[in-house]
C-alpha atoms as a PDB file:
ATOM      1  CA  UNK A   1      53.133  44.218  88.656  1.00  0.00           C
ATOM      2  CA  UNK A   2      53.637  47.811  89.617  1.00  0.00           C
ATOM      3  CA  UNK A   3      56.662  46.870  91.716  1.00  0.00           C
ATOM      4  CA  UNK A   4      58.137  44.989  88.770  1.00  0.00           C
ATOM      5  CA  UNK A   5      57.631  47.971  86.436  1.00  0.00           C
ATOM      6  CA  UNK A   6      59.174  50.288  89.034  1.00  0.00           C
ATOM      7  CA  UNK A   7      62.186  48.006  89.382  1.00  0.00           C
ATOM      8  CA  UNK A   8      62.626  47.797  85.618  1.00  0.00           C
ATOM      9  CA  UNK A   9      62.340  51.588  85.269  1.00  0.00           C
ATOM     10  CA  UNK A  10      64.918  52.089  88.014  1.00  0.00           C
ATOM     11  CA  UNK A  11      67.283  49.566  86.403  1.00  0.00           C
ATOM     12  CA  UNK A  12      66.826  51.223  83.023  1.00  0.00           C
ATOM     13  CA  UNK A  13      67.589  54.651  84.511  1.00  0.00           C
ATOM     14  CA  UNK A  14      70.691  53.322  86.261  1.00  0.00           C
ATOM     15  CA  UNK A  15      71.878  51.697  83.038  1.00  0.00           C
ATOM     16  CA  UNK A  16      71.241  54.866  81.050  1.00  0.00           C
ATOM     17  CA  UNK A  17      73.143  57.060  83.518  1.00  0.00           C
ATOM     18  CA  UNK A  18      75.943  54.478  83.669  1.00  0.00           C
ATOM     19  CA  UNK A  19      76.460  54.546  79.903  1.00  0.00           C
ATOM     20  CA  UNK A  20      76.246  58.333  79.902  1.00  0.00           C
ATOM     21  CA  UNK A  21      78.871  58.389  82.641  1.00  0.00           C
ATOM     22  CA  UNK A  22      81.109  56.035  80.641  1.00  0.00           C
ATOM     23  CA  UNK A  23      80.621  58.266  77.619  1.00  0.00           C
ATOM     24  CA  UNK A  24      81.404  61.414  79.647  1.00  0.00           C
ATOM     25  CA  UNK A  25      84.276  59.940  81.706  1.00  0.00           C
ATOM     26  CA  UNK A  26      86.977  60.378  79.022  1.00  0.00           C
ATOM     27  CA  UNK A  27      86.043  64.048  78.712  1.00  0.00           C
ATOM     28  CA  UNK A  28      86.348  64.525  82.492  1.00  0.00           C
ATOM     29  CA  UNK A  29      89.710  62.745  82.541  1.00  0.00           C
ATOM     30  CA  UNK A  30      90.869  64.851  79.598  1.00  0.00           C
ATOM     31  CA  UNK A  31      89.695  68.038  81.334  1.00  0.00           C
ATOM     32  CA  UNK A  32      91.596  67.098  84.511  1.00  0.00           C
ATOM     33  CA  UNK A  33      94.650  66.320  82.376  1.00  0.00           C
ATOM     34  CA  UNK A  34      94.362  69.720  80.657  1.00  0.00           C
ATOM     35  CA  UNK A  35      94.203  71.515  84.013  1.00  0.00           C
ATOM     36  CA  UNK A  36      97.166  69.525  85.373  1.00  0.00           C
ATOM     37  CA  UNK A  37      99.329  70.063  82.292  1.00  0.00           C
ATOM     38  CA  UNK A  38      98.207  73.694  82.094  1.00  0.00           C
ATOM     39  CA  UNK A  39      99.265  74.306  85.692  1.00  0.00           C
ATOM     40  CA  UNK A  40     102.662  72.668  85.106  1.00  0.00           C
ATOM     41  CA  UNK A  41     103.087  74.647  81.889  1.00  0.00           C
ATOM     42  CA  UNK A  42     102.149  77.871  83.694  1.00  0.00           C
ATOM     43  CA  UNK A  43     104.763  77.177  86.379  1.00  0.00           C
ATOM     44  CA  UNK A  44     107.385  76.394  83.707  1.00  0.00           C
ATOM     45  CA  UNK A  45     106.677  79.576  81.720  1.00  0.00           C
ATOM     46  CA  UNK A  46     106.557  81.621  84.939  1.00  0.00           C
ATOM     47  CA  UNK A  47     110.016  80.404  85.970  1.00  0.00           C
ATOM     48  CA  UNK A  48     111.463  81.146  82.514  1.00  0.00           C
ATOM     49  CA  UNK A  49     110.053  84.674  82.439  1.00  0.00           C
ATOM     50  CA  UNK A  50     111.187  85.321  86.005  1.00  0.00           C
ATOM     51  CA  UNK A  51     114.789  84.484  85.037  1.00  0.00           C
ATOM     52  CA  UNK A  52     114.629  86.564  81.848  1.00  0.00           C
ATOM     53  CA  UNK A  53     113.059  89.561  83.566  1.00  0.00           C
ATOM     54  CA  UNK A  54     115.631  89.394  86.367  1.00  0.00           C
ATOM     55  CA  UNK A  55     118.464  89.443  83.829  1.00  0.00           C
ATOM     56  CA  UNK A  56     117.066  92.483  82.027  1.00  0.00           C
ATOM     57  CA  UNK A  57     115.470  94.368  84.925  1.00  0.00           C
ATOM     58  CA  UNK A  58     117.150  95.857  87.972  1.00  0.00           C
ATOM     59  CA  UNK A  59     114.109  95.195  90.138  1.00  0.00           C
ATOM     60  CA  UNK A  60     113.864  91.610  91.491  1.00  0.00           C
ATOM     61  CA  UNK A  61     110.525  92.359  93.174  1.00  0.00           C
ATOM     62  CA  UNK A  62     109.018  93.376  89.832  1.00  0.00           C
ATOM     63  CA  UNK A  63     110.322  90.174  88.218  1.00  0.00           C
ATOM     64  CA  UNK A  64     108.753  87.964  90.890  1.00  0.00           C
ATOM     65  CA  UNK A  65     105.461  89.869  90.748  1.00  0.00           C
ATOM     66  CA  UNK A  66     105.134  89.684  86.943  1.00  0.00           C
ATOM     67  CA  UNK A  67     106.057  85.988  86.931  1.00  0.00           C
ATOM     68  CA  UNK A  68     103.345  85.319  89.509  1.00  0.00           C
ATOM     69  CA  UNK A  69     100.799  87.266  87.440  1.00  0.00           C
ATOM     70  CA  UNK A  70     101.704  85.296  84.282  1.00  0.00           C
ATOM     71  CA  UNK A  71     101.226  82.012  86.145  1.00  0.00           C
ATOM     72  CA  UNK A  72      97.760  82.997  87.419  1.00  0.00           C
ATOM     73  CA  UNK A  73      96.615  84.089  83.932  1.00  0.00           C
ATOM     74  CA  UNK A  74      97.837  80.851  82.321  1.00  0.00           C
ATOM     75  CA  UNK A  75      96.130  78.711  84.982  1.00  0.00           C
ATOM     76  CA  UNK A  76      92.831  80.545  84.382  1.00  0.00           C
ATOM     77  CA  UNK A  77      93.186  79.942  80.619  1.00  0.00           C
ATOM     78  CA  UNK A  78      93.850  76.232  81.274  1.00  0.00           C
ATOM     79  CA  UNK A  79      90.689  75.970  83.378  1.00  0.00           C
ATOM     80  CA  UNK A  80      88.583  77.615  80.647  1.00  0.00           C
ATOM     81  CA  UNK A  81      90.016  75.229  78.011  1.00  0.00           C
ATOM     82  CA  UNK A  82      89.294  72.258  80.301  1.00  0.00           C
ATOM     83  CA  UNK A  83      85.650  73.323  80.581  1.00  0.00           C
ATOM     84  CA  UNK A  84      85.440  73.522  76.781  1.00  0.00           C
ATOM     85  CA  UNK A  85      87.025  70.059  76.399  1.00  0.00           C
ATOM     86  CA  UNK A  86      84.583  68.557  78.910  1.00  0.00           C
ATOM     87  CA  UNK A  87      81.682  69.887  76.874  1.00  0.00           C
ATOM     88  CA  UNK A  88      80.797  72.537  79.396  1.00  0.00           C
ATOM     89  CA  UNK A  89      80.998  75.432  76.957  1.00  0.00           C
ATOM     90  CA  UNK A  90      77.868  76.949  78.415  1.00  0.00           C
ATOM     91  CA  UNK A  91      79.391  76.776  81.882  1.00  0.00           C
ATOM     92  CA  UNK A  92      82.580  78.454  80.625  1.00  0.00           C
ATOM     93  CA  UNK A  93      80.532  81.238  79.036  1.00  0.00           C
ATOM     94  CA  UNK A  94      78.468  81.531  82.204  1.00  0.00           C
ATOM     95  CA  UNK A  95      81.601  81.793  84.308  1.00  0.00           C
ATOM     96  CA  UNK A  96      82.847  84.698  82.206  1.00  0.00           C
ATOM     97  CA  UNK A  97      79.423  86.367  82.270  1.00  0.00           C
ATOM     98  CA  UNK A  98      79.058  85.954  86.022  1.00  0.00           C
ATOM     99  CA  UNK A  99      82.615  87.098  86.696  1.00  0.00           C
ATOM    100  CA  UNK A 100      81.628  90.758  86.565  1.00  0.00           C
ATOM    101  CA  UNK A 101      78.771  90.382  89.021  1.00  0.00           C
ATOM    102  CA  UNK A 102      80.785  88.088  91.240  1.00  0.00           C
ATOM    103  CA  UNK A 103      83.610  90.593  91.303  1.00  0.00           C
ATOM    104  CA  UNK A 104      81.241  93.232  92.697  1.00  0.00           C
ATOM    105  CA  UNK A 105      79.817  90.874  95.324  1.00  0.00           C
ATOM    106  CA  UNK A 106      83.228  89.569  96.334  1.00  0.00           C
ATOM    107  CA  UNK A 107      84.545  93.115  96.345  1.00  0.00           C
ATOM    108  CA  UNK A 108      82.159  93.991  99.168  1.00  0.00           C
ATOM    109  CA  UNK A 109      82.696  90.689 100.955  1.00  0.00           C
ATOM    110  CA  UNK A 110      86.499  90.802 100.788  1.00  0.00           C
ATOM    111  CA  UNK A 111      87.270  94.501 100.784  1.00  0.00           C
ATOM    112  CA  UNK A 112      90.564  94.139 102.650  1.00  0.00           C
ATOM    113  CA  UNK A 113      91.816  91.372 100.349  1.00  0.00           C
ATOM    114  CA  UNK A 114      90.813  93.429  97.320  1.00  0.00           C
ATOM    115  CA  UNK A 115      92.570  96.515  98.657  1.00  0.00           C
ATOM    116  CA  UNK A 116      95.735  94.561  99.361  1.00  0.00           C
ATOM    117  CA  UNK A 117      95.640  92.986  95.889  1.00  0.00           C
ATOM    118  CA  UNK A 118      95.271  96.345  94.114  1.00  0.00           C
ATOM    119  CA  UNK A 119      97.896  97.899  96.374  1.00  0.00           C
ATOM    120  CA  UNK A 120     100.240  95.023  95.491  1.00  0.00           C
ATOM    121  CA  UNK A 121      99.812  95.762  91.777  1.00  0.00           C
ATOM    122  CA  UNK A 122     100.556  99.459  92.354  1.00  0.00           C
ATOM    123  CA  UNK A 123     103.592  98.685  94.515  1.00  0.00           C
ATOM    124  CA  UNK A 124     104.942  96.305  91.883  1.00  0.00           C
ATOM    125  CA  UNK A 125     105.283  99.203  89.443  1.00  0.00           C
ATOM    126  CA  UNK A 126     105.842 102.147  91.790  1.00  0.00           C
ATOM    127  CA  UNK A 127     107.148 101.917  95.356  1.00  0.00           C
ATOM    128  CA  UNK A 128     109.677 103.730  97.586  1.00  0.00           C
ATOM    129  CA  UNK A 129     111.882 100.689  98.297  1.00  0.00           C
ATOM    130  CA  UNK A 130     113.659  97.705  96.744  1.00  0.00           C
ATOM    131  CA  UNK A 131     114.675  94.260  97.922  1.00  0.00           C
ATOM    132  CA  UNK A 132     117.106  94.345 100.900  1.00  0.00           C
ATOM    133  CA  UNK A 133     116.344  98.014 101.639  1.00  0.00           C
ATOM    134  CA  UNK A 134     116.032  98.860 105.326  1.00  0.00           C
ATOM    135  CA  UNK A 135     112.693 100.601 105.881  1.00  0.00           C
ATOM    136  CA  UNK A 136     110.275 101.584 108.627  1.00  0.00           C
ATOM    137  CA  UNK A 137     106.501 101.389 108.160  1.00  0.00           C
ATOM    138  CA  UNK A 138     104.684 102.693 111.222  1.00  0.00           C
ATOM    139  CA  UNK A 139     106.678 101.242 114.113  1.00  0.00           C
ATOM    140  CA  UNK A 140     107.893  98.186 112.150  1.00  0.00           C
ATOM    141  CA  UNK A 141     111.571  98.342 111.216  1.00  0.00           C
ATOM    142  CA  UNK A 142     113.450  95.828 109.075  1.00  0.00           C
ATOM    143  CA  UNK A 143     114.767  94.677 105.700  1.00  0.00           C
ATOM    144  CA  UNK A 144     112.517  94.084 102.682  1.00  0.00           C
ATOM    145  CA  UNK A 145     112.571  90.401 101.743  1.00  0.00           C
ATOM    146  CA  UNK A 146     109.657  89.958  99.324  1.00  0.00           C
ATOM    147  CA  UNK A 147     106.563  91.527  97.775  1.00  0.00           C
ATOM    148  CA  UNK A 148     103.482  89.458  96.929  1.00  0.00           C
ATOM    149  CA  UNK A 149      99.950  90.281  95.790  1.00  0.00           C
ATOM    150  CA  UNK A 150      98.715  90.626  99.389  1.00  0.00           C
ATOM    151  CA  UNK A 151     101.601  91.594 101.641  1.00  0.00           C
ATOM    152  CA  UNK A 152     105.156  92.921 101.939  1.00  0.00           C
ATOM    153  CA  UNK A 153     107.598  90.709 103.852  1.00  0.00           C
ATOM    154  CA  UNK A 154     110.032  92.420 106.269  1.00  0.00           C
ATOM    155  CA  UNK A 155     112.774  90.745 108.299  1.00  0.00           C
ATOM    156  CA  UNK A 156     113.428  92.663 111.524  1.00  0.00           C
ATOM    157  CA  UNK A 157     116.885  92.915 113.077  1.00  0.00           C
ATOM    158  CA  UNK A 158     115.815  90.751 116.017  1.00  0.00           C
ATOM    159  CA  UNK A 159     114.937  87.906 113.641  1.00  0.00           C
ATOM    160  CA  UNK A 160     111.153  88.277 113.319  1.00  0.00           C
ATOM    161  CA  UNK A 161     109.338  87.885 109.992  1.00  0.00           C
ATOM    162  CA  UNK A 162     106.671  90.579 109.597  1.00  0.00           C
ATOM    163  CA  UNK A 163     104.065  90.441 106.811  1.00  0.00           C
ATOM    164  CA  UNK A 164     102.525  93.888 106.291  1.00  0.00           C
ATOM    165  CA  UNK A 165      99.318  94.216 104.220  1.00  0.00           C
ATOM    166  CA  UNK A 166     100.057  96.065 100.988  1.00  0.00           C
ATOM    167  CA  UNK A 167      97.264  98.561 101.662  1.00  0.00           C
ATOM    168  CA  UNK A 168      99.142  99.696 104.796  1.00  0.00           C
ATOM    169  CA  UNK A 169     102.394  99.978 102.843  1.00  0.00           C
ATOM    170  CA  UNK A 170     100.624 102.124 100.258  1.00  0.00           C
ATOM    171  CA  UNK A 171      98.815 104.445 102.692  1.00  0.00           C
ATOM    172  CA  UNK A 172     101.288 104.792 105.590  1.00  0.00           C
ATOM    173  CA  UNK A 173     104.526 106.826 105.542  1.00  0.00           C
ATOM    174  CA  UNK A 174     107.516 104.697 104.554  1.00  0.00           C
ATOM    175  CA  UNK A 175     110.948 105.659 105.891  1.00  0.00           C
ATOM    176  CA  UNK A 176     113.727 104.279 103.692  1.00  0.00           C
ATOM    177  CA  UNK A 177     117.086 104.198 105.478  1.00  0.00           C
ATOM    178  CA  UNK A 178     119.062 102.940 102.477  1.00  0.00           C
ATOM    179  CA  UNK A 179     117.512 104.641  99.439  1.00  0.00           C
ATOM    180  CA  UNK A 180     120.527 106.873  98.651  1.00  0.00           C
ATOM    181  CA  UNK A 181     123.118 104.686 100.380  1.00  0.00           C
ATOM    182  CA  UNK A 182     123.762 107.091 103.287  1.00  0.00           C
ATOM    183  CA  UNK A 183     122.472 107.349 106.840  1.00  0.00           C
ATOM    184  CA  UNK A 184     123.316 109.939 109.508  1.00  0.00           C
ATOM    185  CA  UNK A 185     124.052 108.632 112.969  1.00  0.00           C
ATOM    186  CA  UNK A 186     124.202 110.675 116.156  1.00  0.00           C
ATOM    187  CA  UNK A 187     124.935 110.407 119.849  1.00  0.00           C
ATOM    188  CA  UNK A 188     125.516 112.697 122.845  1.00  0.00           C
ATOM    189  CA  UNK A 189     128.619 112.901 125.027  1.00  0.00           C
ATOM    190  CA  UNK A 190     128.911 115.108 128.122  1.00  0.00           C
ATOM    191  CA  UNK A 191     132.097 116.894 129.250  1.00  0.00           C
ATOM    192  CA  UNK A 192     132.735 118.910 132.409  1.00  0.00           C
ATOM    193  CA  UNK A 193     131.935 122.626 132.659  1.00  0.00           C
ATOM    194  CA  UNK A 194     135.612 123.339 133.263  1.00  0.00           C
ATOM    195  CA  UNK A 195     136.708 121.569 130.047  1.00  0.00           C
ATOM    196  CA  UNK A 196     137.625 123.326 126.789  1.00  0.00           C
ATOM    197  CA  UNK A 197     134.621 122.837 124.512  1.00  0.00           C
ATOM    198  CA  UNK A 198     136.382 123.659 121.235  1.00  0.00           C
ATOM    199  CA  UNK A 199     139.251 121.295 122.025  1.00  0.00           C
ATOM    200  CA  UNK A 200     136.787 118.494 122.775  1.00  0.00           C
ATOM    201  CA  UNK A 201     134.899 119.118 119.519  1.00  0.00           C
ATOM    202  CA  UNK A 202     138.140 119.123 117.532  1.00  0.00           C
ATOM    203  CA  UNK A 203     139.263 115.850 119.121  1.00  0.00           C
ATOM    204  CA  UNK A 204     135.923 114.149 118.377  1.00  0.00           C
ATOM    205  CA  UNK A 205     136.062 115.226 114.710  1.00  0.00           C
ATOM    206  CA  UNK A 206     139.594 113.813 114.481  1.00  0.00           C
ATOM    207  CA  UNK A 207     138.322 110.490 115.821  1.00  0.00           C
ATOM    208  CA  UNK A 208     135.544 110.484 113.202  1.00  0.00           C
ATOM    209  CA  UNK A 209     138.053 111.178 110.425  1.00  0.00           C
ATOM    210  CA  UNK A 210     140.147 108.191 111.516  1.00  0.00           C
ATOM    211  CA  UNK A 211     137.281 105.717 110.977  1.00  0.00           C
ATOM    212  CA  UNK A 212     137.403 104.188 107.490  1.00  0.00           C
ATOM    213  CA  UNK A 213     133.689 103.330 107.466  1.00  0.00           C
ATOM    214  CA  UNK A 214     132.622 106.895 108.280  1.00  0.00           C
ATOM    215  CA  UNK A 215     131.938 108.994 105.156  1.00  0.00           C
ATOM    216  CA  UNK A 216     134.818 111.422 104.508  1.00  0.00           C
ATOM    217  CA  UNK A 217     135.345 114.487 102.280  1.00  0.00           C
ATOM    218  CA  UNK A 218     131.744 114.730 101.102  1.00  0.00           C
ATOM    219  CA  UNK A 219     130.234 118.252 101.241  1.00  0.00           C
ATOM    220  CA  UNK A 220     126.689 116.865 101.235  1.00  0.00           C
ATOM    221  CA  UNK A 221     127.430 114.445 104.078  1.00  0.00           C
ATOM    222  CA  UNK A 222     129.544 116.410 106.518  1.00  0.00           C
ATOM    223  CA  UNK A 223     130.460 115.141 109.983  1.00  0.00           C
ATOM    224  CA  UNK A 224     130.275 117.709 112.783  1.00  0.00           C
ATOM    225  CA  UNK A 225     129.866 118.288 116.529  1.00  0.00           C
ATOM    226  CA  UNK A 226     127.667 120.949 118.170  1.00  0.00           C
ATOM    227  CA  UNK A 227     126.868 122.077 121.701  1.00  0.00           C
ATOM    228  CA  UNK A 228     123.550 120.453 122.512  1.00  0.00           C
ATOM    229  CA  UNK A 229     122.628 121.211 126.127  1.00  0.00           C
ATOM    230  CA  UNK A 230     123.832 122.684 129.414  1.00  0.00           C
ATOM    231  CA  UNK A 231     122.905 119.806 131.699  1.00  0.00           C
ATOM    232  CA  UNK A 232     123.102 119.586 135.500  1.00  0.00           C
ATOM    233  CA  UNK A 233     126.739 118.486 135.585  1.00  0.00           C
ATOM    234  CA  UNK A 234     127.868 118.392 131.955  1.00  0.00           C
ATOM    235  CA  UNK A 235     128.036 120.357 128.744  1.00  0.00           C
ATOM    236  CA  UNK A 236     126.467 117.942 126.285  1.00  0.00           C
ATOM    237  CA  UNK A 237     127.978 117.721 122.812  1.00  0.00           C
ATOM    238  CA  UNK A 238     125.969 116.142 120.004  1.00  0.00           C
ATOM    239  CA  UNK A 239     128.004 114.192 117.456  1.00  0.00           C
ATOM    240  CA  UNK A 240     126.710 113.760 113.890  1.00  0.00           C
ATOM    241  CA  UNK A 241     128.392 111.462 111.367  1.00  0.00           C
ATOM    242  CA  UNK A 242     127.433 109.758 108.111  1.00  0.00           C
ATOM    243  CA  UNK A 243     127.796 106.083 107.200  1.00  0.00           C
ATOM    244  CA  UNK A 244     127.160 104.063 104.055  1.00  0.00           C
ATOM    245  CA  UNK A 245     124.173 101.780 104.416  1.00  0.00           C
ATOM    246  CA  UNK A 246     124.836  98.833 102.120  1.00  0.00           C
ATOM    247  CA  UNK A 247     124.365  96.809 105.294  1.00  0.00           C
ATOM    248  CA  UNK A 248     122.386  98.897 107.791  1.00  0.00           C
ATOM    249  CA  UNK A 249     123.112  96.674 110.782  1.00  0.00           C
ATOM    250  CA  UNK A 250     126.887  96.887 110.337  1.00  0.00           C
ATOM    251  CA  UNK A 251     127.069 100.481 109.117  1.00  0.00           C
ATOM    252  CA  UNK A 252     124.680 102.024 111.587  1.00  0.00           C
ATOM    253  CA  UNK A 253     124.480  99.924 114.726  1.00  0.00           C
ATOM    254  CA  UNK A 254     127.913  98.321 115.071  1.00  0.00           C
ATOM    255  CA  UNK A 255     129.856 101.314 113.739  1.00  0.00           C
ATOM    256  CA  UNK A 256     127.960 103.684 116.050  1.00  0.00           C
ATOM    257  CA  UNK A 257     129.015 101.623 119.058  1.00  0.00           C
ATOM    258  CA  UNK A 258     132.632 101.585 117.851  1.00  0.00           C
ATOM    259  CA  UNK A 259     132.696 105.368 117.381  1.00  0.00           C
ATOM    260  CA  UNK A 260     131.225 105.968 120.860  1.00  0.00           C
ATOM    261  CA  UNK A 261     133.919 103.737 122.361  1.00  0.00           C
ATOM    262  CA  UNK A 262     136.735 105.517 120.478  1.00  0.00           C
ATOM    263  CA  UNK A 263     135.435 108.970 121.453  1.00  0.00           C
ATOM    264  CA  UNK A 264     135.169 108.024 125.133  1.00  0.00           C
ATOM    265  CA  UNK A 265     138.693 106.592 125.212  1.00  0.00           C
ATOM    266  CA  UNK A 266     140.167 109.604 123.399  1.00  0.00           C
ATOM    267  CA  UNK A 267     138.467 112.150 125.695  1.00  0.00           C
ATOM    268  CA  UNK A 268     139.597 110.305 128.821  1.00  0.00           C
ATOM    269  CA  UNK A 269     143.153 110.024 127.506  1.00  0.00           C
ATOM    270  CA  UNK A 270     143.216 113.760 126.725  1.00  0.00           C
ATOM    271  CA  UNK A 271     142.193 114.577 130.302  1.00  0.00           C
ATOM    272  CA  UNK A 272     138.591 115.613 129.723  1.00  0.00           C
ATOM    273  CA  UNK A 273     136.137 114.982 132.534  1.00  0.00           C
ATOM    274  CA  UNK A 274     133.114 112.805 131.787  1.00  0.00           C
ATOM    275  CA  UNK A 275     131.130 113.457 134.971  1.00  0.00           C
ATOM    276  CA  UNK A 276     128.045 111.521 135.948  1.00  0.00           C
ATOM    277  CA  UNK A 277     124.739 113.266 136.538  1.00  0.00           C
ATOM    278  CA  UNK A 278     124.596 115.175 139.824  1.00  0.00           C
ATOM    279  CA  UNK A 279     121.454 114.984 141.955  1.00  0.00           C
ATOM    280  CA  UNK A 280     120.630 118.155 143.908  1.00  0.00           C
ATOM    281  CA  UNK A 281     118.758 117.800 147.224  1.00  0.00           C
ATOM    282  CA  UNK A 282     116.797 120.852 148.349  1.00  0.00           C
ATOM    283  CA  UNK A 283     115.718 121.581 151.944  1.00  0.00           C
ATOM    284  CA  UNK A 284     112.482 123.488 152.402  1.00  0.00           C
ATOM    285  CA  UNK A 285     111.871 126.021 155.208  1.00  0.00           C
ATOM    286  CA  UNK A 286     110.406 123.498 157.657  1.00  0.00           C
ATOM    287  CA  UNK A 287     113.293 121.048 157.210  1.00  0.00           C
ATOM    288  CA  UNK A 288     116.608 121.513 159.029  1.00  0.00           C
ATOM    289  CA  UNK A 289     118.565 118.457 157.947  1.00  0.00           C
ATOM    290  CA  UNK A 290     118.359 115.231 155.982  1.00  0.00           C
ATOM    291  CA  UNK A 291     118.447 111.891 157.830  1.00  0.00           C
ATOM    292  CA  UNK A 292     121.214 110.584 155.620  1.00  0.00           C
ATOM    293  CA  UNK A 293     124.215 108.423 156.410  1.00  0.00           C
ATOM    294  CA  UNK A 294     126.931 107.452 153.924  1.00  0.00           C
ATOM    295  CA  UNK A 295     128.794 104.212 154.421  1.00  0.00           C
ATOM    296  CA  UNK A 296     131.017 101.943 152.411  1.00  0.00           C
ATOM    297  CA  UNK A 297     129.738  98.995 150.458  1.00  0.00           C
ATOM    298  CA  UNK A 298     130.292  95.808 152.535  1.00  0.00           C
ATOM    299  CA  UNK A 299     131.821  94.206 149.460  1.00  0.00           C
ATOM    300  CA  UNK A 300     134.546  96.867 149.467  1.00  0.00           C
ATOM    301  CA  UNK A 301     135.335  96.035 153.111  1.00  0.00           C
ATOM    302  CA  UNK A 302     135.619  92.334 152.241  1.00  0.00           C
ATOM    303  CA  UNK A 303     137.933  93.121 149.332  1.00  0.00           C
ATOM    304  CA  UNK A 304     140.121  95.249 151.621  1.00  0.00           C
ATOM    305  CA  UNK A 305     140.284  92.437 154.207  1.00  0.00           C
ATOM    306  CA  UNK A 306     141.288  89.944 151.512  1.00  0.00           C
ATOM    307  CA  UNK A 307     144.068  92.250 150.365  1.00  0.00           C
ATOM    308  CA  UNK A 308     145.414  92.563 153.946  1.00  0.00           C
ATOM    309  CA  UNK A 309     145.419  88.771 154.340  1.00  0.00           C
ATOM    310  CA  UNK A 310     147.324  88.317 151.119  1.00  0.00           C
END
């Protein structure tokens, strides 16, 4: 008898919960539908605002950041509405009430994520770089590709993608190589002690003035050459010249190599010596000579033999 009553009670409970589930199921489906449509709507509105902000603003990073923030806010609103639709009003109110306490707890648990998030918000409104600027943060050097809530995306010139936490971007020195559109390049060239220094400097400046991509006739960005060092076998001249940095790789790296090549060829053509470094060997008091023998490279002997045969 007891077993029969227990079975009937269990069946009654199952039936009751089943009908409650059937009664609650439409609300759950509707809540899921609200969240799905809300997410799609948030993405749609985010894309529209991103396009509008980009047309009106000169800062593409700001446009992307604000669009992302709008999407997150709309998704949160959709979730709260879904809880209301499902009849979980108390849960929705509890979520809002607990949000403050949870924020404190999560703040301690995820300090780095929180710092990066806040730094991302600050950088969205105030930062020392824009998209496609060439910057250096610490020892990381590259072009700015994107800014998100947590990190800044740099593309290095050797093809690596670097994602720097926003807290590091905010707290570390940032060197911007393209902020004002100009960058000063430099290199050293050594001439012989017997050469005319002023004539060499004049010739180098003439070479700089012949390069179309080198900044010309700008008092604030003057190209010049100075004596840098009296080295072992050369008088070293340091060459300074300015380039425009719309494209840092072309303006700075490739143009620098071209200028060095032109200067070398011009100095050699004008008869200036470009001596190699001289190594001085010193004998101390207890040493009379150096066990040293100079001989030709065997490859030179083979080349000479081939020439005689031909």
